[in-house]
Amino acid sequence: MNVAPSAQLRLLGRFRLEFGTESVELCRNGQRLLAFLSLRESVPRTVLAGTLWPEVTEEHARGSLRTTLWKLPRGETPLVRCCGDVLLVAPDLRVDVHALTRTALGVVAGCGPPPHCRPPLGLLTGEDLLPGWDEDWVLLEREHLRQLRLHALDSLAEILTEQGRTALAMEAAWAGIRAEPLRESAHRAVVSAHLAEGNVCEALRHYAAFRNLLNDELGVEPSPRFTRLLAERLPPRAASGRHERIPEPTA
């Protein structure tokens, strides 16, 4: 079977290899090999064999690697190419993780969606990398993608607030909070959106709720940056209200 331009590898959620509308089943080792190579793009044979089969001898691991490569679908353009002792996936194979990474890095770099264009919330709030896989290299890559998504959601919320699209900014910020409830930057994004809409009461209420959560869970206060956000943008009377009084910002 050839790797056509329509070939896709989906690693977000359940592992799926698709050629157009057709799904291709791979053995477990084939899935692991293709996933690892797609995440790293190019890997020396020794590193690949040692990572996928860490509890056997090097000779046995390299033998397992050869067997797994032989079992992959073959065609004029193979799924995996060899360049000397280095293996890499075919360049025409589309991988969903790469699309997520490009989008997230673009947002973090400030290249958010133009006004009136749909923000990439679906991609940034989608499924985790290969849930249920518990190998060390998967856990490492999963956490890397989680952190990248969280930073992208923070940046996206900021960009959307600046564009005046505060409802969508709230969606991005709340997605970050759902993923990590104690993440201050996501809570700051919510407060910023409230303030951009002129909803002072909502901003103070959210700050107070986060401050209580942080005290209960960690025994700490919100950062000076968060308190300055409110102190600098609220009138003195609002900032010192009886129920939502904020502390004086420190240096």
C-alpha atoms as a PDB file:
ATOM      1  CA  MET A   1       0.000   0.000   0.000  1.00  0.00           C
ATOM      2  CA  ASN A   2       1.456   3.393  -0.967  1.00  0.00           C
ATOM      3  CA  VAL A   3       1.646   6.366   1.317  1.00  0.00           C
ATOM      4  CA  ALA A   4      -0.457   8.854  -0.637  1.00  0.00           C
ATOM      5  CA  PRO A   5      -0.804  12.545   0.252  1.00  0.00           C
ATOM      6  CA  SER A   6      -4.060  11.639   1.986  1.00  0.00           C
ATOM      7  CA  ALA A   7      -2.301   9.316   4.428  1.00  0.00           C
ATOM      8  CA  GLN A   8      -2.810  10.448   8.031  1.00  0.00           C
ATOM      9  CA  LEU A   9      -1.512   9.313  11.380  1.00  0.00           C
ATOM     10  CA  ARG A  10      -3.651  10.299  14.353  1.00  0.00           C
ATOM     11  CA  LEU A  11      -1.943  10.230  17.736  1.00  0.00           C
ATOM     12  CA  LEU A  12      -4.311  12.550  19.598  1.00  0.00           C
ATOM     13  CA  GLY A  13      -6.760  10.133  21.141  1.00  0.00           C
ATOM     14  CA  ARG A  14      -6.760   6.547  19.927  1.00  0.00           C
ATOM     15  CA  PHE A  15      -3.966   5.554  17.527  1.00  0.00           C
ATOM     16  CA  ARG A  16      -5.254   5.557  13.954  1.00  0.00           C
ATOM     17  CA  LEU A  17      -3.457   5.153  10.641  1.00  0.00           C
ATOM     18  CA  GLU A  18      -5.659   6.168   7.714  1.00  0.00           C
ATOM     19  CA  PHE A  19      -5.288   6.200   3.968  1.00  0.00           C
ATOM     20  CA  GLY A  20      -8.119   8.399   2.780  1.00  0.00           C
ATOM     21  CA  THR A  21     -11.236   6.869   4.315  1.00  0.00           C
ATOM     22  CA  GLU A  22      -9.585   3.499   4.933  1.00  0.00           C
ATOM     23  CA  SER A  23      -8.144   2.613   8.342  1.00  0.00           C
ATOM     24  CA  VAL A  24      -5.118   0.346   8.496  1.00  0.00           C
ATOM     25  CA  GLU A  25      -4.567  -1.926  11.489  1.00  0.00           C
ATOM     26  CA  LEU A  26      -1.044  -2.275  12.817  1.00  0.00           C
ATOM     27  CA  CYS A  27       0.338  -4.602  15.465  1.00  0.00           C
ATOM     28  CA  ARG A  28       1.150  -3.018  18.804  1.00  0.00           C
ATOM     29  CA  ASN A  29       4.879  -2.804  18.077  1.00  0.00           C
ATOM     30  CA  GLY A  30       4.127  -1.245  14.707  1.00  0.00           C
ATOM     31  CA  GLN A  31       1.993   1.401  16.407  1.00  0.00           C
ATOM     32  CA  ARG A  32       4.700   2.147  18.961  1.00  0.00           C
ATOM     33  CA  LEU A  33       7.394   2.403  16.308  1.00  0.00           C
ATOM     34  CA  LEU A  34       5.382   4.691  14.037  1.00  0.00           C
ATOM     35  CA  ALA A  35       4.253   6.876  16.950  1.00  0.00           C
ATOM     36  CA  PHE A  36       7.776   7.299  18.313  1.00  0.00           C
ATOM     37  CA  LEU A  37       9.275   8.105  14.917  1.00  0.00           C
ATOM     38  CA  SER A  38       6.496  10.584  14.134  1.00  0.00           C
ATOM     39  CA  LEU A  39       7.019  12.425  17.398  1.00  0.00           C
ATOM     40  CA  ARG A  40      10.814  12.564  17.021  1.00  0.00           C
ATOM     41  CA  GLU A  41      10.849  12.727  13.177  1.00  0.00           C
ATOM     42  CA  SER A  42      14.242  10.981  12.846  1.00  0.00           C
ATOM     43  CA  VAL A  43      15.898   8.531  15.222  1.00  0.00           C
ATOM     44  CA  PRO A  44      19.056   6.366  15.071  1.00  0.00           C
ATOM     45  CA  ARG A  45      18.295   2.637  15.010  1.00  0.00           C
ATOM     46  CA  THR A  46      20.107   2.007  18.299  1.00  0.00           C
ATOM     47  CA  VAL A  47      18.125   4.718  20.113  1.00  0.00           C
ATOM     48  CA  LEU A  48      14.843   3.512  18.649  1.00  0.00           C
ATOM     49  CA  ALA A  49      15.464  -0.144  19.513  1.00  0.00           C
ATOM     50  CA  GLY A  50      16.675   0.694  23.022  1.00  0.00           C
ATOM     51  CA  THR A  51      13.657   2.919  23.709  1.00  0.00           C
ATOM     52  CA  LEU A  52      10.982   0.557  22.443  1.00  0.00           C
ATOM     53  CA  TRP A  53      12.553  -2.624  23.864  1.00  0.00           C
ATOM     54  CA  PRO A  54      14.495  -1.407  26.920  1.00  0.00           C
ATOM     55  CA  GLU A  55      14.433  -4.639  28.934  1.00  0.00           C
ATOM     56  CA  VAL A  56      16.169  -6.934  26.446  1.00  0.00           C
ATOM     57  CA  THR A  57      19.681  -7.126  25.056  1.00  0.00           C
ATOM     58  CA  GLU A  58      20.706  -4.748  22.302  1.00  0.00           C
ATOM     59  CA  GLU A  59      20.885  -7.617  19.812  1.00  0.00           C
ATOM     60  CA  HIS A  60      17.373  -8.783  20.694  1.00  0.00           C
ATOM     61  CA  ALA A  61      16.036  -5.199  20.537  1.00  0.00           C
ATOM     62  CA  ARG A  62      17.511  -4.621  17.075  1.00  0.00           C
ATOM     63  CA  GLY A  63      16.028  -7.931  15.942  1.00  0.00           C
ATOM     64  CA  SER A  64      12.596  -6.851  17.197  1.00  0.00           C
ATOM     65  CA  LEU A  65      13.036  -3.566  15.350  1.00  0.00           C
ATOM     66  CA  ARG A  66      13.834  -5.353  12.073  1.00  0.00           C
ATOM     67  CA  THR A  67      10.789  -7.621  12.482  1.00  0.00           C
ATOM     68  CA  THR A  68       8.497  -4.677  13.210  1.00  0.00           C
ATOM     69  CA  LEU A  69       9.786  -2.725  10.215  1.00  0.00           C
ATOM     70  CA  TRP A  70       9.207  -5.747   7.986  1.00  0.00           C
ATOM     71  CA  LYS A  71       5.581  -5.990   9.147  1.00  0.00           C
ATOM     72  CA  LEU A  72       4.728  -2.373   8.272  1.00  0.00           C
ATOM     73  CA  PRO A  73       2.613  -1.759   5.137  1.00  0.00           C
ATOM     74  CA  ARG A  74       4.859  -1.582   2.078  1.00  0.00           C
ATOM     75  CA  GLY A  75       4.599   0.246  -1.197  1.00  0.00           C
ATOM     76  CA  GLU A  76       6.459   2.464  -3.625  1.00  0.00           C
ATOM     77  CA  THR A  77       6.819   5.007  -0.816  1.00  0.00           C
ATOM     78  CA  PRO A  78       7.225   3.175   2.504  1.00  0.00           C
ATOM     79  CA  LEU A  79       5.928   4.489   5.805  1.00  0.00           C
ATOM     80  CA  VAL A  80       9.459   4.556   7.229  1.00  0.00           C
ATOM     81  CA  ARG A  81      12.619   5.502   5.371  1.00  0.00           C
ATOM     82  CA  CYS A  82      16.208   4.618   6.171  1.00  0.00           C
ATOM     83  CA  CYS A  83      19.036   7.130   5.842  1.00  0.00           C
ATOM     84  CA  GLY A  84      22.117   5.203   6.870  1.00  0.00           C
ATOM     85  CA  ASP A  85      21.566   4.216  10.477  1.00  0.00           C
ATOM     86  CA  VAL A  86      18.767   6.764  10.950  1.00  0.00           C
ATOM     87  CA  LEU A  87      15.044   6.030  10.507  1.00  0.00           C
ATOM     88  CA  LEU A  88      12.386   8.617   9.724  1.00  0.00           C
ATOM     89  CA  VAL A  89       8.754   8.661   8.647  1.00  0.00           C
ATOM     90  CA  ALA A  90       7.771   9.398   5.057  1.00  0.00           C
ATOM     91  CA  PRO A  91       7.484  13.183   4.485  1.00  0.00           C
ATOM     92  CA  ASP A  92       3.999  12.838   2.937  1.00  0.00           C
ATOM     93  CA  LEU A  93       2.534  11.253   6.054  1.00  0.00           C
ATOM     94  CA  ARG A  94       0.373  13.840   7.800  1.00  0.00           C
ATOM     95  CA  VAL A  95       0.512  13.657  11.588  1.00  0.00           C
ATOM     96  CA  ASP A  96      -2.084  15.441  13.727  1.00  0.00           C
ATOM     97  CA  VAL A  97       0.452  16.214  16.472  1.00  0.00           C
ATOM     98  CA  HIS A  98       2.502  18.227  13.979  1.00  0.00           C
ATOM     99  CA  ALA A  99      -0.555  20.296  13.050  1.00  0.00           C
ATOM    100  CA  LEU A 100      -1.264  20.938  16.728  1.00  0.00           C
ATOM    101  CA  THR A 101       2.347  21.915  17.412  1.00  0.00           C
ATOM    102  CA  ARG A 102       2.506  24.319  14.442  1.00  0.00           C
ATOM    103  CA  THR A 103      -0.768  25.968  15.439  1.00  0.00           C
ATOM    104  CA  ALA A 104       0.117  26.258  19.120  1.00  0.00           C
ATOM    105  CA  LEU A 105       3.596  27.656  18.446  1.00  0.00           C
ATOM    106  CA  GLY A 106       2.106  30.163  16.006  1.00  0.00           C
ATOM    107  CA  VAL A 107      -0.345  31.394  18.635  1.00  0.00           C
ATOM    108  CA  VAL A 108       2.354  31.594  21.313  1.00  0.00           C
ATOM    109  CA  ALA A 109       4.498  33.614  18.889  1.00  0.00           C
ATOM    110  CA  GLY A 110       1.651  36.111  18.545  1.00  0.00           C
ATOM    111  CA  CYS A 111       0.276  34.884  15.220  1.00  0.00           C
ATOM    112  CA  GLY A 112      -3.296  34.533  16.405  1.00  0.00           C
ATOM    113  CA  PRO A 113      -6.374  34.297  14.181  1.00  0.00           C
ATOM    114  CA  PRO A 114      -7.250  37.479  12.269  1.00  0.00           C
ATOM    115  CA  PRO A 115     -10.412  39.252  13.404  1.00  0.00           C
ATOM    116  CA  HIS A 116     -13.605  37.545  12.209  1.00  0.00           C
ATOM    117  CA  CYS A 117     -11.766  34.241  11.673  1.00  0.00           C
ATOM    118  CA  ARG A 118     -12.545  31.216  13.810  1.00  0.00           C
ATOM    119  CA  PRO A 119      -9.893  30.673  16.525  1.00  0.00           C
ATOM    120  CA  PRO A 120      -8.341  27.179  16.729  1.00  0.00           C
ATOM    121  CA  LEU A 121     -10.086  26.261  19.982  1.00  0.00           C
ATOM    122  CA  GLY A 122     -11.013  22.774  18.797  1.00  0.00           C
ATOM    123  CA  LEU A 123      -7.424  21.828  18.072  1.00  0.00           C
ATOM    124  CA  LEU A 124      -6.099  23.367  21.290  1.00  0.00           C
ATOM    125  CA  THR A 125      -8.707  21.669  23.476  1.00  0.00           C
ATOM    126  CA  GLY A 126      -8.769  18.254  21.814  1.00  0.00           C
ATOM    127  CA  GLU A 127      -7.787  14.834  23.099  1.00  0.00           C
ATOM    128  CA  ASP A 128      -4.520  14.014  24.836  1.00  0.00           C
ATOM    129  CA  LEU A 129      -1.646  12.215  23.179  1.00  0.00           C
ATOM    130  CA  LEU A 130      -2.273   8.458  23.108  1.00  0.00           C
ATOM    131  CA  PRO A 131      -4.296   8.171  26.339  1.00  0.00           C
ATOM    132  CA  GLY A 132      -3.735   4.838  28.071  1.00  0.00           C
ATOM    133  CA  TRP A 133      -0.155   4.483  26.813  1.00  0.00           C
ATOM    134  CA  ASP A 134       2.093   4.640  29.881  1.00  0.00           C
ATOM    135  CA  GLU A 135       5.606   4.298  28.502  1.00  0.00           C
ATOM    136  CA  ASP A 136       8.081   6.929  29.649  1.00  0.00           C
ATOM    137  CA  TRP A 137       8.589   8.447  26.208  1.00  0.00           C
ATOM    138  CA  VAL A 138       4.820   8.827  25.738  1.00  0.00           C
ATOM    139  CA  LEU A 139       4.409  10.449  29.163  1.00  0.00           C
ATOM    140  CA  LEU A 140       7.188  12.907  28.334  1.00  0.00           C
ATOM    141  CA  GLU A 141       5.683  13.888  24.986  1.00  0.00           C
ATOM    142  CA  ARG A 142       2.172  14.064  26.471  1.00  0.00           C
ATOM    143  CA  GLU A 143       3.297  16.533  29.132  1.00  0.00           C
ATOM    144  CA  HIS A 144       5.176  18.573  26.532  1.00  0.00           C
ATOM    145  CA  LEU A 145       2.030  18.883  24.429  1.00  0.00           C
ATOM    146  CA  ARG A 146      -0.097  19.679  27.490  1.00  0.00           C
ATOM    147  CA  GLN A 147       2.174  22.549  28.450  1.00  0.00           C
ATOM    148  CA  LEU A 148       2.289  23.832  24.875  1.00  0.00           C
ATOM    149  CA  ARG A 149      -1.506  23.760  24.670  1.00  0.00           C
ATOM    150  CA  LEU A 150      -1.857  25.614  27.973  1.00  0.00           C
ATOM    151  CA  HIS A 151       0.523  28.362  26.876  1.00  0.00           C
ATOM    152  CA  ALA A 152      -1.270  28.623  23.545  1.00  0.00           C
ATOM    153  CA  LEU A 153      -4.650  28.942  25.277  1.00  0.00           C
ATOM    154  CA  ASP A 154      -3.260  31.715  27.489  1.00  0.00           C
ATOM    155  CA  SER A 155      -1.901  33.556  24.459  1.00  0.00           C
ATOM    156  CA  LEU A 156      -5.077  32.994  22.463  1.00  0.00           C
ATOM    157  CA  ALA A 157      -7.218  34.420  25.274  1.00  0.00           C
ATOM    158  CA  GLU A 158      -5.011  37.509  25.388  1.00  0.00           C
ATOM    159  CA  ILE A 159      -5.145  37.984  21.621  1.00  0.00           C
ATOM    160  CA  LEU A 160      -8.925  37.563  21.502  1.00  0.00           C
ATOM    161  CA  THR A 161      -9.398  40.026  24.360  1.00  0.00           C
ATOM    162  CA  GLU A 162      -7.293  42.595  22.496  1.00  0.00           C
ATOM    163  CA  GLN A 163      -9.469  42.005  19.426  1.00  0.00           C
ATOM    164  CA  GLY A 164     -12.593  42.640  21.464  1.00  0.00           C
ATOM    165  CA  ARG A 165     -13.765  39.037  21.116  1.00  0.00           C
ATOM    166  CA  THR A 166     -14.177  38.566  24.829  1.00  0.00           C
ATOM    167  CA  ALA A 167     -16.645  35.665  24.736  1.00  0.00           C
ATOM    168  CA  LEU A 168     -14.169  33.590  22.736  1.00  0.00           C
ATOM    169  CA  ALA A 169     -11.351  34.794  24.991  1.00  0.00           C
ATOM    170  CA  MET A 170     -13.327  33.415  27.931  1.00  0.00           C
ATOM    171  CA  GLU A 171     -13.672  30.062  26.161  1.00  0.00           C
ATOM    172  CA  ALA A 172      -9.909  29.840  25.665  1.00  0.00           C
ATOM    173  CA  ALA A 173      -9.190  30.877  29.246  1.00  0.00           C
ATOM    174  CA  TRP A 174     -11.708  28.468  30.757  1.00  0.00           C
ATOM    175  CA  ALA A 175     -10.292  25.639  28.668  1.00  0.00           C
ATOM    176  CA  GLY A 176      -6.958  26.304  30.356  1.00  0.00           C
ATOM    177  CA  ILE A 177      -8.605  26.361  33.784  1.00  0.00           C
ATOM    178  CA  ARG A 178     -10.375  23.060  33.168  1.00  0.00           C
ATOM    179  CA  ALA A 179      -7.047  21.511  32.188  1.00  0.00           C
ATOM    180  CA  GLU A 180      -5.226  22.973  35.213  1.00  0.00           C
ATOM    181  CA  PRO A 181      -7.507  24.595  37.841  1.00  0.00           C
ATOM    182  CA  LEU A 182      -4.630  26.243  39.744  1.00  0.00           C
ATOM    183  CA  ARG A 183      -3.042  27.839  36.678  1.00  0.00           C
ATOM    184  CA  GLU A 184      -2.943  31.541  37.503  1.00  0.00           C
ATOM    185  CA  SER A 185      -2.326  32.776  33.969  1.00  0.00           C
ATOM    186  CA  ALA A 186      -5.631  31.277  32.834  1.00  0.00           C
ATOM    187  CA  HIS A 187      -7.472  32.959  35.707  1.00  0.00           C
ATOM    188  CA  ARG A 188      -5.807  36.267  34.855  1.00  0.00           C
ATOM    189  CA  ALA A 189      -7.099  35.868  31.323  1.00  0.00           C
ATOM    190  CA  VAL A 190     -10.646  35.458  32.619  1.00  0.00           C
ATOM    191  CA  VAL A 191     -10.334  38.582  34.772  1.00  0.00           C
ATOM    192  CA  SER A 192      -8.837  40.542  31.859  1.00  0.00           C
ATOM    193  CA  ALA A 193     -11.775  39.587  29.660  1.00  0.00           C
ATOM    194  CA  HIS A 194     -14.246  40.661  32.358  1.00  0.00           C
ATOM    195  CA  LEU A 195     -12.488  43.994  32.734  1.00  0.00           C
ATOM    196  CA  ALA A 196     -12.432  44.493  28.953  1.00  0.00           C
ATOM    197  CA  GLU A 197     -16.223  44.120  29.003  1.00  0.00           C
ATOM    198  CA  GLY A 198     -16.531  46.501  31.926  1.00  0.00           C
ATOM    199  CA  ASN A 199     -17.780  43.753  34.241  1.00  0.00           C
ATOM    200  CA  VAL A 200     -15.976  44.911  37.378  1.00  0.00           C
ATOM    201  CA  CYS A 201     -18.103  42.824  39.739  1.00  0.00           C
ATOM    202  CA  GLU A 202     -17.419  39.647  37.746  1.00  0.00           C
ATOM    203  CA  ALA A 203     -13.685  40.408  37.687  1.00  0.00           C
ATOM    204  CA  LEU A 204     -13.568  40.891  41.457  1.00  0.00           C
ATOM    205  CA  ARG A 205     -15.665  37.798  42.108  1.00  0.00           C
ATOM    206  CA  HIS A 206     -13.426  35.629  39.954  1.00  0.00           C
ATOM    207  CA  TYR A 207     -10.285  36.995  41.590  1.00  0.00           C
ATOM    208  CA  ALA A 208     -11.716  36.327  45.049  1.00  0.00           C
ATOM    209  CA  ALA A 209     -12.721  32.772  44.105  1.00  0.00           C
ATOM    210  CA  PHE A 210      -9.252  32.035  42.722  1.00  0.00           C
ATOM    211  CA  ARG A 211      -7.590  33.594  45.775  1.00  0.00           C
ATOM    212  CA  ASN A 212      -9.640  31.347  48.060  1.00  0.00           C
ATOM    213  CA  LEU A 213      -8.852  28.278  45.942  1.00  0.00           C
ATOM    214  CA  LEU A 214      -5.146  29.045  45.998  1.00  0.00           C
ATOM    215  CA  ASN A 215      -5.169  29.582  49.764  1.00  0.00           C
ATOM    216  CA  ASP A 216      -7.103  26.370  50.376  1.00  0.00           C
ATOM    217  CA  GLU A 217      -4.998  24.194  48.082  1.00  0.00           C
ATOM    218  CA  LEU A 218      -1.503  25.654  48.428  1.00  0.00           C
ATOM    219  CA  GLY A 219      -1.616  28.167  51.258  1.00  0.00           C
ATOM    220  CA  VAL A 220      -0.318  30.993  49.045  1.00  0.00           C
ATOM    221  CA  GLU A 221      -1.611  34.262  47.610  1.00  0.00           C
ATOM    222  CA  PRO A 222      -2.019  35.200  43.942  1.00  0.00           C
ATOM    223  CA  SER A 223       1.096  36.719  42.420  1.00  0.00           C
ATOM    224  CA  PRO A 224       1.835  40.461  42.575  1.00  0.00           C
ATOM    225  CA  ARG A 225       1.222  40.543  38.845  1.00  0.00           C
ATOM    226  CA  PHE A 226      -2.376  39.423  39.378  1.00  0.00           C
ATOM    227  CA  THR A 227      -3.013  41.936  42.155  1.00  0.00           C
ATOM    228  CA  ARG A 228      -1.496  44.721  40.055  1.00  0.00           C
ATOM    229  CA  LEU A 229      -3.806  43.783  37.184  1.00  0.00           C
ATOM    230  CA  LEU A 230      -6.781  44.644  39.358  1.00  0.00           C
ATOM    231  CA  ALA A 231      -5.223  47.505  41.319  1.00  0.00           C
ATOM    232  CA  GLU A 232      -4.159  49.308  38.140  1.00  0.00           C
ATOM    233  CA  ARG A 233      -7.426  48.879  36.252  1.00  0.00           C
ATOM    234  CA  LEU A 234     -10.057  49.290  38.944  1.00  0.00           C
ATOM    235  CA  PRO A 235     -11.139  52.480  40.719  1.00  0.00           C
ATOM    236  CA  PRO A 236      -9.978  52.557  44.364  1.00  0.00           C
ATOM    237  CA  ARG A 237     -13.482  52.064  45.752  1.00  0.00           C
ATOM    238  CA  ALA A 238     -14.057  48.918  43.666  1.00  0.00           C
ATOM    239  CA  ALA A 239     -10.652  47.484  44.507  1.00  0.00           C
ATOM    240  CA  SER A 240     -11.306  47.831  48.257  1.00  0.00           C
ATOM    241  CA  GLY A 241     -14.861  46.480  48.383  1.00  0.00           C
ATOM    242  CA  ARG A 242     -15.886  44.728  51.601  1.00  0.00           C
ATOM    243  CA  HIS A 243     -16.141  41.191  50.185  1.00  0.00           C
ATOM    244  CA  GLU A 244     -13.616  41.202  47.341  1.00  0.00           C
ATOM    245  CA  ARG A 245     -10.919  43.482  48.739  1.00  0.00           C
ATOM    246  CA  ILE A 246      -7.597  42.836  47.012  1.00  0.00           C
ATOM    247  CA  PRO A 247      -4.257  43.166  48.791  1.00  0.00           C
ATOM    248  CA  GLU A 248      -1.866  45.994  48.018  1.00  0.00           C
ATOM    249  CA  PRO A 249       0.427  44.916  45.129  1.00  0.00           C
ATOM    250  CA  THR A 250       4.026  44.284  46.129  1.00  0.00           C
ATOM    251  CA  ALA A 251       7.137  44.859  44.071  1.00  0.00           C
END
